[in-house]
């Protein structure tokens, strides 16, 4: 799918995007996807780290806002 999306200048593919595609076309998409593997991996890791950090800050904020009595009960 990544190879097909790269061919569309980064736009998402539509439903049924591979219907009727030739074996050669699927192979070309596969090869392009493999070429982009390292870049995609870096983007996924960075995005995950940013989202994890955002959620962790949210949890810490909740922890510090709760009244101390709630913490003592746990």
PDB file of N, CA and C in Angstrom:
ATOM      1  N   UNK A   1       0.823  -1.182   0.000  1.00  0.00           N
ATOM      2  CA  UNK A   1       0.000   0.000   0.000  1.00  0.00           C
ATOM      3  C   UNK A   1       0.871   1.252   0.000  1.00  0.00           C
ATOM      4  N   UNK A   2       1.965   1.236   0.707  1.00  0.00           N
ATOM      5  CA  UNK A   2       2.832   2.410   0.788  1.00  0.00           C
ATOM      6  C   UNK A   2       3.397   2.754  -0.582  1.00  0.00           C
ATOM      7  N   UNK A   3       3.772   1.731  -1.324  1.00  0.00           N
ATOM      8  CA  UNK A   3       4.268   1.967  -2.680  1.00  0.00           C
ATOM      9  C   UNK A   3       3.211   2.583  -3.576  1.00  0.00           C
ATOM     10  N   UNK A   4       1.980   2.117  -3.466  1.00  0.00           N
ATOM     11  CA  UNK A   4       0.881   2.672  -4.264  1.00  0.00           C
ATOM     12  C   UNK A   4       0.603   4.112  -3.856  1.00  0.00           C
ATOM     13  N   UNK A   5       0.634   4.394  -2.559  1.00  0.00           N
ATOM     14  CA  UNK A   5       0.409   5.764  -2.092  1.00  0.00           C
ATOM     15  C   UNK A   5       1.537   6.681  -2.538  1.00  0.00           C
ATOM     16  N   UNK A   6       2.760   6.181  -2.577  1.00  0.00           N
ATOM     17  CA  UNK A   6       3.887   6.985  -3.050  1.00  0.00           C
ATOM     18  C   UNK A   6       3.680   7.361  -4.515  1.00  0.00           C
ATOM     19  N   UNK A   7       3.128   6.442  -5.270  1.00  0.00           N
ATOM     20  CA  UNK A   7       2.847   6.701  -6.686  1.00  0.00           C
ATOM     21  C   UNK A   7       1.782   7.790  -6.847  1.00  0.00           C
ATOM     22  N   UNK A   8       0.926   7.930  -5.838  1.00  0.00           N
ATOM     23  CA  UNK A   8      -0.133   8.952  -5.856  1.00  0.00           C
ATOM     24  C   UNK A   8       0.320  10.227  -5.149  1.00  0.00           C
ATOM     25  N   UNK A   9       1.615  10.440  -5.055  1.00  0.00           N
ATOM     26  CA  UNK A   9       2.195  11.612  -4.380  1.00  0.00           C
ATOM     27  C   UNK A   9       1.766  11.711  -2.919  1.00  0.00           C
ATOM     28  N   UNK A  10       1.709  10.561  -2.253  1.00  0.00           N
ATOM     29  CA  UNK A  10       1.430  10.526  -0.831  1.00  0.00           C
ATOM     30  C   UNK A  10      -0.037  10.545  -0.462  1.00  0.00           C
ATOM     31  N   UNK A  11      -0.909  10.534  -1.440  1.00  0.00           N
ATOM     32  CA  UNK A  11      -2.349  10.527  -1.139  1.00  0.00           C
ATOM     33  C   UNK A  11      -2.797   9.108  -0.810  1.00  0.00           C
ATOM     34  N   UNK A  12      -3.813   9.006   0.034  1.00  0.00           N
ATOM     35  CA  UNK A  12      -4.328   7.692   0.436  1.00  0.00           C
ATOM     36  C   UNK A  12      -4.979   6.996  -0.760  1.00  0.00           C
ATOM     37  N   UNK A  13      -4.826   5.697  -0.809  1.00  0.00           N
ATOM     38  CA  UNK A  13      -5.468   4.917  -1.864  1.00  0.00           C
ATOM     39  C   UNK A  13      -6.942   4.724  -1.518  1.00  0.00           C
ATOM     40  N   UNK A  14      -7.752   4.540  -2.541  1.00  0.00           N
ATOM     41  CA  UNK A  14      -9.188   4.312  -2.346  1.00  0.00           C
ATOM     42  C   UNK A  14      -9.457   2.835  -2.104  1.00  0.00           C
ATOM     43  N   UNK A  15     -10.661   2.548  -1.643  1.00  0.00           N
ATOM     44  CA  UNK A  15     -11.082   1.157  -1.460  1.00  0.00           C
ATOM     45  C   UNK A  15     -10.964   0.431  -2.805  1.00  0.00           C
ATOM     46  N   UNK A  16     -10.479  -0.785  -2.762  1.00  0.00           N
ATOM     47  CA  UNK A  16     -10.317  -1.571  -3.976  1.00  0.00           C
ATOM     48  C   UNK A  16      -9.137  -1.124  -4.820  1.00  0.00           C
ATOM     49  N   UNK A  17      -8.191  -0.448  -4.196  1.00  0.00           N
ATOM     50  CA  UNK A  17      -7.064   0.134  -4.918  1.00  0.00           C
ATOM     51  C   UNK A  17      -6.242  -0.869  -5.702  1.00  0.00           C
ATOM     52  N   UNK A  18      -6.210  -2.110  -5.267  1.00  0.00           N
ATOM     53  CA  UNK A  18      -5.381  -3.108  -5.958  1.00  0.00           C
ATOM     54  C   UNK A  18      -6.201  -4.007  -6.881  1.00  0.00           C
ATOM     55  N   UNK A  19      -7.522  -3.787  -6.934  1.00  0.00           N
ATOM     56  CA  UNK A  19      -8.355  -4.609  -7.816  1.00  0.00           C
ATOM     57  C   UNK A  19      -7.926  -4.417  -9.264  1.00  0.00           C
ATOM     58  N   UNK A  20      -7.672  -5.498  -9.927  1.00  0.00           N
ATOM     59  CA  UNK A  20      -7.308  -5.447 -11.337  1.00  0.00           C
ATOM     60  C   UNK A  20      -5.864  -5.061 -11.612  1.00  0.00           C
ATOM     61  N   UNK A  21      -5.069  -4.893 -10.562  1.00  0.00           N
ATOM     62  CA  UNK A  21      -3.662  -4.536 -10.768  1.00  0.00           C
ATOM     63  C   UNK A  21      -2.895  -5.760 -11.265  1.00  0.00           C
ATOM     64  N   UNK A  22      -2.005  -5.514 -12.187  1.00  0.00           N
ATOM     65  CA  UNK A  22      -1.203  -6.620 -12.724  1.00  0.00           C
ATOM     66  C   UNK A  22      -0.164  -7.062 -11.704  1.00  0.00           C
ATOM     67  N   UNK A  23       0.361  -8.249 -11.928  1.00  0.00           N
ATOM     68  CA  UNK A  23       1.400  -8.782 -11.042  1.00  0.00           C
ATOM     69  C   UNK A  23       2.614  -7.855 -11.047  1.00  0.00           C
ATOM     70  N   UNK A  24       2.934  -7.315 -12.209  1.00  0.00           N
ATOM     71  CA  UNK A  24       4.081  -6.410 -12.338  1.00  0.00           C
ATOM     72  C   UNK A  24       3.854  -5.119 -11.554  1.00  0.00           C
ATOM     73  N   UNK A  25       2.617  -4.616 -11.593  1.00  0.00           N
ATOM     74  CA  UNK A  25       2.304  -3.384 -10.887  1.00  0.00           C
ATOM     75  C   UNK A  25       2.404  -3.605  -9.378  1.00  0.00           C
ATOM     76  N   UNK A  26       1.874  -4.723  -8.907  1.00  0.00           N
ATOM     77  CA  UNK A  26       1.957  -5.044  -7.476  1.00  0.00           C
ATOM     78  C   UNK A  26       3.404  -5.202  -7.053  1.00  0.00           C
ATOM     79  N   UNK A  27       4.205  -5.819  -7.903  1.00  0.00           N
ATOM     80  CA  UNK A  27       5.631  -5.976  -7.604  1.00  0.00           C
ATOM     81  C   UNK A  27       6.318  -4.612  -7.546  1.00  0.00           C
ATOM     82  N   UNK A  28       5.958  -3.705  -8.445  1.00  0.00           N
ATOM     83  CA  UNK A  28       6.539  -2.358  -8.441  1.00  0.00           C
ATOM     84  C   UNK A  28       6.153  -1.620  -7.160  1.00  0.00           C
ATOM     85  N   UNK A  29       4.885  -1.743  -6.744  1.00  0.00           N
ATOM     86  CA  UNK A  29       4.453  -1.116  -5.492  1.00  0.00           C
ATOM     87  C   UNK A  29       5.206  -1.702  -4.305  1.00  0.00           C
ATOM     88  N   UNK A  30       5.387  -3.013  -4.312  1.00  0.00           N
ATOM     89  CA  UNK A  30       6.117  -3.685  -3.232  1.00  0.00           C
ATOM     90  C   UNK A  30       7.543  -3.166  -3.147  1.00  0.00           C
ATOM     91  N   UNK A  31       8.204  -3.078  -4.287  1.00  0.00           N
ATOM     92  CA  UNK A  31       9.591  -2.598  -4.313  1.00  0.00           C
ATOM     93  C   UNK A  31       9.688  -1.157  -3.821  1.00  0.00           C
ATOM     94  N   UNK A  32       8.736  -0.324  -4.228  1.00  0.00           N
ATOM     95  CA  UNK A  32       8.745   1.077  -3.779  1.00  0.00           C
ATOM     96  C   UNK A  32       8.507   1.134  -2.268  1.00  0.00           C
ATOM     97  N   UNK A  33       7.597   0.312  -1.769  1.00  0.00           N
ATOM     98  CA  UNK A  33       7.349   0.257  -0.333  1.00  0.00           C
ATOM     99  C   UNK A  33       8.581  -0.166   0.443  1.00  0.00           C
ATOM    100  N   UNK A  34       9.317  -1.127  -0.102  1.00  0.00           N
ATOM    101  CA  UNK A  34      10.548  -1.575   0.550  1.00  0.00           C
ATOM    102  C   UNK A  34      11.615  -0.487   0.535  1.00  0.00           C
ATOM    103  N   UNK A  35      11.662   0.297  -0.539  1.00  0.00           N
ATOM    104  CA  UNK A  35      12.604   1.418  -0.609  1.00  0.00           C
ATOM    105  C   UNK A  35      12.313   2.447   0.481  1.00  0.00           C
ATOM    106  N   UNK A  36      11.030   2.636   0.763  1.00  0.00           N
ATOM    107  CA  UNK A  36      10.610   3.658   1.731  1.00  0.00           C
ATOM    108  C   UNK A  36      10.550   3.148   3.168  1.00  0.00           C
ATOM    109  N   UNK A  37      10.891   1.884   3.376  1.00  0.00           N
ATOM    110  CA  UNK A  37      10.752   1.257   4.692  1.00  0.00           C
ATOM    111  C   UNK A  37      11.429   2.047   5.807  1.00  0.00           C
ATOM    112  N   UNK A  38      12.681   2.417   5.628  1.00  0.00           N
ATOM    113  CA  UNK A  38      13.408   3.117   6.697  1.00  0.00           C
ATOM    114  C   UNK A  38      12.771   4.467   7.017  1.00  0.00           C
ATOM    115  N   UNK A  39      12.361   5.198   5.982  1.00  0.00           N
ATOM    116  CA  UNK A  39      11.727   6.503   6.191  1.00  0.00           C
ATOM    117  C   UNK A  39      10.394   6.352   6.931  1.00  0.00           C
ATOM    118  N   UNK A  40       9.603   5.375   6.506  1.00  0.00           N
ATOM    119  CA  UNK A  40       8.310   5.136   7.163  1.00  0.00           C
ATOM    120  C   UNK A  40       8.527   4.726   8.613  1.00  0.00           C
ATOM    121  N   UNK A  41       9.512   3.884   8.854  1.00  0.00           N
ATOM    122  CA  UNK A  41       9.812   3.440  10.215  1.00  0.00           C
ATOM    123  C   UNK A  41      10.168   4.627  11.108  1.00  0.00           C
ATOM    124  N   UNK A  42      10.983   5.547  10.600  1.00  0.00           N
ATOM    125  CA  UNK A  42      11.363   6.729  11.382  1.00  0.00           C
ATOM    126  C   UNK A  42      10.152   7.604  11.692  1.00  0.00           C
ATOM    127  N   UNK A  43       9.276   7.786  10.704  1.00  0.00           N
ATOM    128  CA  UNK A  43       8.086   8.614  10.907  1.00  0.00           C
ATOM    129  C   UNK A  43       7.166   7.979  11.949  1.00  0.00           C
ATOM    130  N   UNK A  44       6.977   6.669  11.869  1.00  0.00           N
ATOM    131  CA  UNK A  44       6.115   5.967  12.822  1.00  0.00           C
ATOM    132  C   UNK A  44       6.693   6.072  14.235  1.00  0.00           C
ATOM    133  N   UNK A  45       8.000   5.873  14.372  1.00  0.00           N
ATOM    134  CA  UNK A  45       8.623   5.965  15.689  1.00  0.00           C
ATOM    135  C   UNK A  45       8.509   7.364  16.266  1.00  0.00           C
ATOM    136  N   UNK A  46       8.754   8.381  15.443  1.00  0.00           N
ATOM    137  CA  UNK A  46       8.678   9.760  15.923  1.00  0.00           C
ATOM    138  C   UNK A  46       7.248  10.110  16.315  1.00  0.00           C
ATOM    139  N   UNK A  47       6.291   9.743  15.483  1.00  0.00           N
ATOM    140  CA  UNK A  47       4.887  10.028  15.777  1.00  0.00           C
ATOM    141  C   UNK A  47       4.453   9.327  17.055  1.00  0.00           C
ATOM    142  N   UNK A  48       4.858   8.080  17.218  1.00  0.00           N
ATOM    143  CA  UNK A  48       4.509   7.328  18.426  1.00  0.00           C
ATOM    144  C   UNK A  48       5.122   7.968  19.662  1.00  0.00           C
ATOM    145  N   UNK A  49       6.362   8.404  19.563  1.00  0.00           N
ATOM    146  CA  UNK A  49       7.037   9.023  20.708  1.00  0.00           C
ATOM    147  C   UNK A  49       6.349  10.324  21.106  1.00  0.00           C
ATOM    148  N   UNK A  50       5.971  11.118  20.123  1.00  0.00           N
ATOM    149  CA  UNK A  50       5.291  12.387  20.414  1.00  0.00           C
ATOM    150  C   UNK A  50       3.944  12.116  21.083  1.00  0.00           C
ATOM    151  N   UNK A  51       3.185  11.170  20.550  1.00  0.00           N
ATOM    152  CA  UNK A  51       1.871  10.851  21.117  1.00  0.00           C
ATOM    153  C   UNK A  51       2.015  10.253  22.516  1.00  0.00           C
ATOM    154  N   UNK A  52       2.990   9.382  22.712  1.00  0.00           N
ATOM    155  CA  UNK A  52       3.231   8.800  24.032  1.00  0.00           C
ATOM    156  C   UNK A  52       3.563   9.890  25.043  1.00  0.00           C
ATOM    157  N   UNK A  53       4.419  10.822  24.646  1.00  0.00           N
ATOM    158  CA  UNK A  53       4.780  11.933  25.530  1.00  0.00           C
ATOM    159  C   UNK A  53       3.578  12.793  25.883  1.00  0.00           C
ATOM    160  N   UNK A  54       2.718  13.050  24.902  1.00  0.00           N
ATOM    161  CA  UNK A  54       1.524  13.847  25.143  1.00  0.00           C
ATOM    162  C   UNK A  54       0.614  13.150  26.153  1.00  0.00           C
ATOM    163  N   UNK A  55       0.403  11.850  25.959  1.00  0.00           N
ATOM    164  CA  UNK A  55      -0.459  11.102  26.876  1.00  0.00           C
ATOM    165  C   UNK A  55       0.155  10.987  28.268  1.00  0.00           C
ATOM    166  N   UNK A  56       1.465  10.812  28.337  1.00  0.00           N
ATOM    167  CA  UNK A  56       2.131  10.720  29.631  1.00  0.00           C
ATOM    168  C   UNK A  56       2.003  12.028  30.407  1.00  0.00           C
ATOM    169  N   UNK A  57       2.150  13.162  29.715  1.00  0.00           N
ATOM    170  CA  UNK A  57       1.975  14.454  30.384  1.00  0.00           C
ATOM    171  C   UNK A  57       0.539  14.607  30.885  1.00  0.00           C
ATOM    172  N   UNK A  58      -0.406  14.117  30.120  1.00  0.00           N
ATOM    173  CA  UNK A  58      -1.806  14.184  30.525  1.00  0.00           C
ATOM    174  C   UNK A  58      -2.041  13.361  31.799  1.00  0.00           C
ATOM    175  N   UNK A  59      -1.472  12.167  31.865  1.00  0.00           N
ATOM    176  CA  UNK A  59      -1.616  11.309  33.041  1.00  0.00           C
ATOM    177  C   UNK A  59      -0.950  11.958  34.249  1.00  0.00           C
ATOM    178  N   UNK A  60       0.230  12.514  34.062  1.00  0.00           N
ATOM    179  CA  UNK A  60       0.913  13.171  35.177  1.00  0.00           C
ATOM    180  C   UNK A  60       0.133  14.371  35.681  1.00  0.00           C
ATOM    181  N   UNK A  61      -0.497  15.101  34.756  1.00  0.00           N
ATOM    182  CA  UNK A  61      -1.301  16.250  35.151  1.00  0.00           C
ATOM    183  C   UNK A  61      -2.484  15.792  36.001  1.00  0.00           C
ATOM    184  N   UNK A  62      -3.135  14.727  35.604  1.00  0.00           N
ATOM    185  CA  UNK A  62      -4.251  14.190  36.383  1.00  0.00           C
ATOM    186  C   UNK A  62      -3.766  13.779  37.773  1.00  0.00           C
ATOM    187  N   UNK A  63      -2.610  13.129  37.842  1.00  0.00           N
ATOM    188  CA  UNK A  63      -2.061  12.685  39.124  1.00  0.00           C
ATOM    189  C   UNK A  63      -1.823  13.870  40.061  1.00  0.00           C
ATOM    190  N   UNK A  64      -1.263  14.957  39.530  1.00  0.00           N
ATOM    191  CA  UNK A  64      -0.936  16.105  40.371  1.00  0.00           C
ATOM    192  C   UNK A  64      -2.163  16.937  40.723  1.00  0.00           C
ATOM    193  N   UNK A  65      -3.216  16.861  39.961  1.00  0.00           N
ATOM    194  CA  UNK A  65      -4.425  17.636  40.235  1.00  0.00           C
ATOM    195  C   UNK A  65      -5.290  16.971  41.297  1.00  0.00           C
ATOM    196  N   UNK A  66      -5.271  15.647  41.373  1.00  0.00           N
ATOM    197  CA  UNK A  66      -6.135  14.938  42.331  1.00  0.00           C
ATOM    198  C   UNK A  66      -5.826  15.370  43.758  1.00  0.00           C
ATOM    199  N   UNK A  67      -6.852  15.464  44.573  1.00  0.00           N
ATOM    200  CA  UNK A  67      -6.616  15.803  45.985  1.00  0.00           C
ATOM    201  C   UNK A  67      -5.748  14.727  46.652  1.00  0.00           C
ATOM    202  N   UNK A  68      -4.958  15.137  47.620  1.00  0.00           N
ATOM    203  CA  UNK A  68      -4.064  14.209  48.306  1.00  0.00           C
ATOM    204  C   UNK A  68      -4.831  13.075  48.986  1.00  0.00           C
ATOM    205  N   UNK A  69      -6.035  13.323  49.450  1.00  0.00           N
ATOM    206  CA  UNK A  69      -6.843  12.286  50.116  1.00  0.00           C
ATOM    207  C   UNK A  69      -7.069  11.099  49.177  1.00  0.00           C
ATOM    208  N   UNK A  70      -7.264  11.350  47.905  1.00  0.00           N
ATOM    209  CA  UNK A  70      -7.456  10.264  46.939  1.00  0.00           C
ATOM    210  C   UNK A  70      -6.197   9.400  46.828  1.00  0.00           C
ATOM    211  N   UNK A  71      -5.071  10.038  46.874  1.00  0.00           N
ATOM    212  CA  UNK A  71      -3.808   9.307  46.746  1.00  0.00           C
ATOM    213  C   UNK A  71      -3.580   8.435  47.982  1.00  0.00           C
ATOM    214  N   UNK A  72      -3.916   8.946  49.156  1.00  0.00           N
ATOM    215  CA  UNK A  72      -3.714   8.191  50.395  1.00  0.00           C
ATOM    216  C   UNK A  72      -4.590   6.941  50.464  1.00  0.00           C
ATOM    217  N   UNK A  73      -5.738   6.969  49.802  1.00  0.00           N
ATOM    218  CA  UNK A  73      -6.643   5.833  49.841  1.00  0.00           C
ATOM    219  C   UNK A  73      -6.130   4.672  48.997  1.00  0.00           C
ATOM    220  N   UNK A  74      -5.299   4.940  48.060  1.00  0.00           N
ATOM    221  CA  UNK A  74      -4.841   3.899  47.140  1.00  0.00           C
ATOM    222  C   UNK A  74      -3.823   3.023  47.742  1.00  0.00           C
TER     223      UNK A  74
END
